[in-house]
Amino acid sequence: MNDAVRFQTMADGSQGSSGDPVLYFRTDIDPTDLFETATSRLDSALSLLDALANMPRGTMADVTQIADGLTYLLSDASGMLQEVHGLLRELNERREAMAPVTLLSGEGGVQ
């Protein structure tokens, strides 16, 4: 059994630096936890968009800061959801490989 912790770099949009990646997330955790973390970032992004939509037109000076925050949140969520998708695909492949084989009677089958 491999007890090593697996990490994956966050997407470029999450890094916030032009150098080597510094932000990572664990990929060896329960996919449900990863999904919950990603959706919490999506919820935060939606809240920011709602606040932006409700801003009076004369107060648009903070739009750049809000857009930066949205970029980080959405980039984080996207990377995590892509990992969850990969884990689900892997799970489906394993499940299909373990599925019982159905033998049909008749042509070439067991009678």
N, C-alpha and C. Protein backbone atom coordinates (compact mmCIF):
# COMPACT_ATOMS: atom_id res chain seq x y z
N MET A 1 0.85 -1.18 0.00
CA MET A 1 0.00 0.00 0.00
C MET A 1 0.89 1.24 0.00
N ASN A 2 0.56 2.18 -0.82
CA ASN A 2 1.34 3.41 -0.93
C ASN A 2 0.74 4.44 0.02
N ASP A 3 1.52 4.80 1.06
CA ASP A 3 1.03 5.77 2.03
C ASP A 3 1.44 7.20 1.70
N ALA A 4 2.07 7.40 0.55
CA ALA A 4 2.51 8.74 0.16
C ALA A 4 1.31 9.62 -0.13
N VAL A 5 1.39 10.85 0.31
CA VAL A 5 0.34 11.83 0.05
C VAL A 5 0.53 12.33 -1.37
N ARG A 6 -0.55 12.37 -2.13
CA ARG A 6 -0.49 12.84 -3.52
C ARG A 6 -0.97 14.28 -3.59
N PHE A 7 -0.20 15.10 -4.28
CA PHE A 7 -0.55 16.49 -4.47
C PHE A 7 -0.58 16.81 -5.96
N GLN A 8 -1.43 17.75 -6.31
CA GLN A 8 -1.50 18.24 -7.68
C GLN A 8 -1.46 19.77 -7.62
N THR A 9 -0.73 20.36 -8.56
CA THR A 9 -0.66 21.82 -8.57
C THR A 9 -2.02 22.39 -8.91
N MET A 10 -2.33 23.51 -8.30
CA MET A 10 -3.54 24.24 -8.67
C MET A 10 -3.33 24.81 -10.06
N ALA A 11 -4.40 25.16 -10.72
CA ALA A 11 -4.32 25.72 -12.07
C ALA A 11 -3.52 27.01 -12.06
N ASP A 12 -2.99 27.38 -13.22
CA ASP A 12 -2.19 28.61 -13.33
C ASP A 12 -2.94 29.82 -12.79
N GLY A 13 -4.23 29.90 -13.04
CA GLY A 13 -5.02 31.04 -12.58
C GLY A 13 -5.11 31.14 -11.07
N SER A 14 -4.80 30.05 -10.37
CA SER A 14 -4.83 30.05 -8.90
C SER A 14 -3.50 30.46 -8.30
N GLN A 15 -2.44 30.39 -9.07
CA GLN A 15 -1.11 30.58 -8.52
C GLN A 15 -0.82 32.02 -8.12
N GLY A 16 -1.14 32.97 -8.96
CA GLY A 16 -0.89 34.37 -8.62
C GLY A 16 0.57 34.76 -8.66
N SER A 17 1.40 33.92 -9.27
CA SER A 17 2.82 34.27 -9.41
C SER A 17 3.30 33.82 -10.78
N SER A 18 4.36 34.45 -11.24
CA SER A 18 4.90 34.08 -12.55
C SER A 18 5.98 33.01 -12.44
N GLY A 19 6.34 32.64 -11.22
CA GLY A 19 7.37 31.63 -11.01
C GLY A 19 6.78 30.23 -10.94
N ASP A 20 7.50 29.37 -10.25
CA ASP A 20 7.05 28.00 -10.08
C ASP A 20 5.76 27.96 -9.26
N PRO A 21 4.93 26.91 -9.47
CA PRO A 21 3.70 26.79 -8.69
C PRO A 21 3.99 26.69 -7.20
N VAL A 22 3.15 27.33 -6.41
CA VAL A 22 3.29 27.27 -4.95
C VAL A 22 2.05 26.70 -4.28
N LEU A 23 0.92 26.70 -4.97
CA LEU A 23 -0.32 26.18 -4.38
C LEU A 23 -0.64 24.80 -4.95
N TYR A 24 -0.95 23.88 -4.04
CA TYR A 24 -1.26 22.50 -4.39
C TYR A 24 -2.50 22.07 -3.62
N PHE A 25 -3.12 20.98 -4.08
CA PHE A 25 -4.19 20.38 -3.29
C PHE A 25 -3.98 18.87 -3.26
N ARG A 26 -4.47 18.25 -2.20
CA ARG A 26 -4.32 16.80 -2.04
C ARG A 26 -5.30 16.09 -2.96
N THR A 27 -4.80 15.08 -3.63
CA THR A 27 -5.67 14.29 -4.51
C THR A 27 -5.96 12.92 -3.91
N ASP A 28 -5.40 12.63 -2.74
CA ASP A 28 -5.62 11.32 -2.11
C ASP A 28 -6.71 11.38 -1.04
N ILE A 29 -7.51 12.43 -1.06
CA ILE A 29 -8.58 12.56 -0.07
C ILE A 29 -9.89 12.06 -0.68
N ASP A 30 -10.89 11.98 0.15
CA ASP A 30 -12.22 11.57 -0.30
C ASP A 30 -12.70 12.55 -1.37
N PRO A 31 -13.09 12.06 -2.55
CA PRO A 31 -13.57 12.95 -3.60
C PRO A 31 -14.73 13.84 -3.16
N THR A 32 -15.52 13.37 -2.19
CA THR A 32 -16.62 14.18 -1.68
C THR A 32 -16.09 15.45 -1.02
N ASP A 33 -14.99 15.34 -0.28
CA ASP A 33 -14.39 16.52 0.35
C ASP A 33 -13.85 17.49 -0.70
N LEU A 34 -13.22 16.94 -1.72
CA LEU A 34 -12.70 17.78 -2.80
C LEU A 34 -13.84 18.49 -3.53
N PHE A 35 -14.92 17.75 -3.78
CA PHE A 35 -16.10 18.33 -4.44
C PHE A 35 -16.70 19.44 -3.58
N GLU A 36 -16.81 19.20 -2.28
CA GLU A 36 -17.37 20.20 -1.36
C GLU A 36 -16.51 21.47 -1.35
N THR A 37 -15.20 21.31 -1.35
CA THR A 37 -14.30 22.47 -1.38
C THR A 37 -14.47 23.25 -2.67
N ALA A 38 -14.57 22.54 -3.79
CA ALA A 38 -14.75 23.20 -5.09
C ALA A 38 -16.07 23.95 -5.15
N THR A 39 -17.14 23.31 -4.68
CA THR A 39 -18.45 23.97 -4.76
C THR A 39 -18.53 25.16 -3.80
N SER A 40 -17.79 25.12 -2.69
CA SER A 40 -17.80 26.30 -1.80
C SER A 40 -17.16 27.49 -2.50
N ARG A 41 -16.15 27.24 -3.33
CA ARG A 41 -15.54 28.32 -4.10
C ARG A 41 -16.49 28.83 -5.17
N LEU A 42 -17.23 27.93 -5.79
CA LEU A 42 -18.23 28.36 -6.78
C LEU A 42 -19.31 29.21 -6.11
N ASP A 43 -19.75 28.80 -4.93
CA ASP A 43 -20.75 29.59 -4.20
C ASP A 43 -20.22 30.98 -3.87
N SER A 44 -18.95 31.06 -3.46
CA SER A 44 -18.35 32.37 -3.17
C SER A 44 -18.28 33.23 -4.41
N ALA A 45 -17.92 32.62 -5.54
CA ALA A 45 -17.86 33.37 -6.80
C ALA A 45 -19.24 33.88 -7.19
N LEU A 46 -20.26 33.05 -7.01
CA LEU A 46 -21.62 33.49 -7.31
C LEU A 46 -22.05 34.65 -6.42
N SER A 47 -21.66 34.60 -5.15
CA SER A 47 -21.98 35.70 -4.24
C SER A 47 -21.31 37.00 -4.69
N LEU A 48 -20.06 36.90 -5.12
CA LEU A 48 -19.36 38.09 -5.62
C LEU A 48 -20.02 38.63 -6.88
N LEU A 49 -20.43 37.74 -7.77
CA LEU A 49 -21.12 38.19 -8.99
C LEU A 49 -22.44 38.87 -8.65
N ASP A 50 -23.14 38.32 -7.66
CA ASP A 50 -24.40 38.93 -7.22
C ASP A 50 -24.15 40.33 -6.65
N ALA A 51 -23.10 40.46 -5.84
CA ALA A 51 -22.76 41.78 -5.28
C ALA A 51 -22.38 42.75 -6.39
N LEU A 52 -21.66 42.27 -7.38
CA LEU A 52 -21.26 43.11 -8.50
C LEU A 52 -22.48 43.58 -9.29
N ALA A 53 -23.41 42.67 -9.51
CA ALA A 53 -24.61 43.02 -10.27
C ALA A 53 -25.47 44.04 -9.54
N ASN A 54 -25.40 44.04 -8.22
CA ASN A 54 -26.22 44.96 -7.42
C ASN A 54 -25.52 46.25 -7.04
N MET A 55 -24.29 46.43 -7.51
CA MET A 55 -23.56 47.68 -7.21
C MET A 55 -24.18 48.83 -7.97
N PRO A 56 -24.28 49.97 -7.30
CA PRO A 56 -24.72 51.15 -8.04
C PRO A 56 -23.71 51.45 -9.15
N ARG A 57 -24.18 51.95 -10.26
CA ARG A 57 -23.33 52.18 -11.43
C ARG A 57 -22.16 53.12 -11.17
N GLY A 58 -22.25 54.01 -10.22
CA GLY A 58 -21.19 54.96 -9.96
C GLY A 58 -20.05 54.40 -9.12
N THR A 59 -20.17 53.15 -8.62
CA THR A 59 -19.17 52.59 -7.71
C THR A 59 -18.41 51.43 -8.34
N MET A 60 -18.11 51.54 -9.60
CA MET A 60 -17.46 50.44 -10.31
C MET A 60 -15.94 50.40 -10.14
N ALA A 61 -15.39 51.21 -9.25
CA ALA A 61 -13.94 51.25 -9.05
C ALA A 61 -13.40 49.92 -8.51
N ASP A 62 -14.21 49.15 -7.81
CA ASP A 62 -13.75 47.90 -7.21
C ASP A 62 -13.89 46.70 -8.14
N VAL A 63 -14.30 46.91 -9.37
CA VAL A 63 -14.54 45.81 -10.29
C VAL A 63 -13.28 44.98 -10.53
N THR A 64 -12.14 45.62 -10.66
CA THR A 64 -10.89 44.90 -10.90
C THR A 64 -10.57 43.96 -9.74
N GLN A 65 -10.73 44.42 -8.52
CA GLN A 65 -10.45 43.57 -7.37
C GLN A 65 -11.43 42.41 -7.29
N ILE A 66 -12.68 42.67 -7.60
CA ILE A 66 -13.68 41.60 -7.60
C ILE A 66 -13.36 40.59 -8.69
N ALA A 67 -12.98 41.08 -9.86
CA ALA A 67 -12.62 40.19 -10.97
C ALA A 67 -11.42 39.32 -10.60
N ASP A 68 -10.43 39.90 -9.93
CA ASP A 68 -9.27 39.12 -9.49
C ASP A 68 -9.70 38.01 -8.53
N GLY A 69 -10.55 38.35 -7.57
CA GLY A 69 -11.05 37.35 -6.63
C GLY A 69 -11.82 36.25 -7.33
N LEU A 70 -12.65 36.63 -8.29
CA LEU A 70 -13.41 35.64 -9.05
C LEU A 70 -12.49 34.72 -9.83
N THR A 71 -11.42 35.27 -10.41
CA THR A 71 -10.47 34.46 -11.16
C THR A 71 -9.86 33.38 -10.28
N TYR A 72 -9.43 33.75 -9.08
CA TYR A 72 -8.83 32.77 -8.18
C TYR A 72 -9.85 31.71 -7.74
N LEU A 73 -11.02 32.15 -7.35
CA LEU A 73 -12.04 31.21 -6.88
C LEU A 73 -12.46 30.23 -7.98
N LEU A 74 -12.71 30.76 -9.18
CA LEU A 74 -13.16 29.90 -10.27
C LEU A 74 -12.05 28.99 -10.77
N SER A 75 -10.83 29.47 -10.77
CA SER A 75 -9.71 28.63 -11.16
C SER A 75 -9.51 27.49 -10.17
N ASP A 76 -9.58 27.79 -8.88
CA ASP A 76 -9.49 26.75 -7.85
C ASP A 76 -10.57 25.69 -8.06
N ALA A 77 -11.80 26.15 -8.18
CA ALA A 77 -12.93 25.23 -8.32
C ALA A 77 -12.80 24.38 -9.57
N SER A 78 -12.40 24.99 -10.67
CA SER A 78 -12.26 24.26 -11.92
C SER A 78 -11.22 23.15 -11.80
N GLY A 79 -10.07 23.45 -11.23
CA GLY A 79 -9.03 22.43 -11.07
C GLY A 79 -9.48 21.29 -10.18
N MET A 80 -10.16 21.60 -9.10
CA MET A 80 -10.63 20.56 -8.19
C MET A 80 -11.71 19.70 -8.83
N LEU A 81 -12.63 20.33 -9.56
CA LEU A 81 -13.69 19.56 -10.22
C LEU A 81 -13.12 18.69 -11.33
N GLN A 82 -12.08 19.14 -12.01
CA GLN A 82 -11.44 18.29 -13.01
C GLN A 82 -10.83 17.06 -12.35
N GLU A 83 -10.24 17.22 -11.18
CA GLU A 83 -9.68 16.08 -10.46
C GLU A 83 -10.80 15.13 -10.02
N VAL A 84 -11.90 15.66 -9.50
CA VAL A 84 -13.04 14.81 -9.11
C VAL A 84 -13.55 14.05 -10.33
N HIS A 85 -13.64 14.72 -11.47
CA HIS A 85 -14.10 14.07 -12.70
C HIS A 85 -13.18 12.91 -13.06
N GLY A 86 -11.88 13.12 -12.96
CA GLY A 86 -10.93 12.05 -13.25
C GLY A 86 -11.09 10.88 -12.29
N LEU A 87 -11.30 11.17 -11.01
CA LEU A 87 -11.51 10.11 -10.02
C LEU A 87 -12.79 9.33 -10.31
N LEU A 88 -13.84 10.03 -10.71
CA LEU A 88 -15.10 9.35 -11.04
C LEU A 88 -14.95 8.47 -12.28
N ARG A 89 -14.22 8.96 -13.27
CA ARG A 89 -13.96 8.16 -14.47
C ARG A 89 -13.19 6.90 -14.11
N GLU A 90 -12.17 7.05 -13.27
CA GLU A 90 -11.37 5.91 -12.82
C GLU A 90 -12.24 4.91 -12.06
N LEU A 91 -13.11 5.41 -11.20
CA LEU A 91 -14.02 4.55 -10.45
C LEU A 91 -14.94 3.78 -11.38
N ASN A 92 -15.50 4.46 -12.38
CA ASN A 92 -16.37 3.79 -13.35
C ASN A 92 -15.63 2.70 -14.11
N GLU A 93 -14.38 2.98 -14.51
CA GLU A 93 -13.60 1.98 -15.23
C GLU A 93 -13.35 0.76 -14.36
N ARG A 94 -13.04 0.98 -13.09
CA ARG A 94 -12.84 -0.14 -12.17
C ARG A 94 -14.12 -0.93 -11.97
N ARG A 95 -15.23 -0.21 -11.84
CA ARG A 95 -16.53 -0.87 -11.65
C ARG A 95 -16.87 -1.72 -12.87
N GLU A 96 -16.65 -1.17 -14.07
CA GLU A 96 -16.93 -1.93 -15.29
C GLU A 96 -16.03 -3.14 -15.41
N ALA A 97 -14.78 -3.03 -14.99
CA ALA A 97 -13.85 -4.15 -15.05
C ALA A 97 -14.26 -5.26 -14.09
N MET A 98 -14.94 -4.91 -13.00
CA MET A 98 -15.37 -5.88 -12.01
C MET A 98 -16.78 -6.40 -12.27
N ALA A 99 -17.47 -5.86 -13.25
CA ALA A 99 -18.86 -6.26 -13.51
C ALA A 99 -18.89 -7.72 -13.95
N PRO A 100 -19.87 -8.46 -13.46
CA PRO A 100 -19.97 -9.87 -13.86
C PRO A 100 -20.27 -9.97 -15.36
N VAL A 101 -19.70 -10.99 -15.97
CA VAL A 101 -19.92 -11.23 -17.39
C VAL A 101 -21.21 -12.02 -17.52
N THR A 102 -22.09 -11.57 -18.38
CA THR A 102 -23.35 -12.26 -18.63
C THR A 102 -23.18 -13.14 -19.85
N LEU A 103 -23.41 -14.41 -19.68
CA LEU A 103 -23.33 -15.34 -20.80
C LEU A 103 -24.73 -15.56 -21.35
N LEU A 104 -24.86 -15.37 -22.62
CA LEU A 104 -26.16 -15.55 -23.27
C LEU A 104 -26.24 -16.94 -23.87
N SER A 105 -27.41 -17.54 -23.77
CA SER A 105 -27.59 -18.84 -24.42
C SER A 105 -27.82 -18.60 -25.90
N GLY A 106 -27.53 -19.59 -26.67
CA GLY A 106 -27.72 -19.44 -28.11
C GLY A 106 -26.39 -19.46 -28.82
N GLU A 107 -26.32 -18.72 -29.90
CA GLU A 107 -25.16 -18.70 -30.77
C GLU A 107 -23.87 -18.39 -30.01
N GLY A 108 -23.00 -19.35 -29.90
CA GLY A 108 -21.71 -19.13 -29.27
C GLY A 108 -21.77 -19.01 -27.76
N GLY A 109 -22.93 -19.06 -27.18
CA GLY A 109 -23.06 -18.88 -25.74
C GLY A 109 -23.21 -20.20 -25.02
N VAL A 110 -23.34 -20.14 -23.73
CA VAL A 110 -23.52 -21.33 -22.91
C VAL A 110 -24.98 -21.72 -22.94
N GLN A 111 -25.22 -23.00 -23.08
CA GLN A 111 -26.59 -23.49 -23.15
C GLN A 111 -27.00 -24.15 -21.86
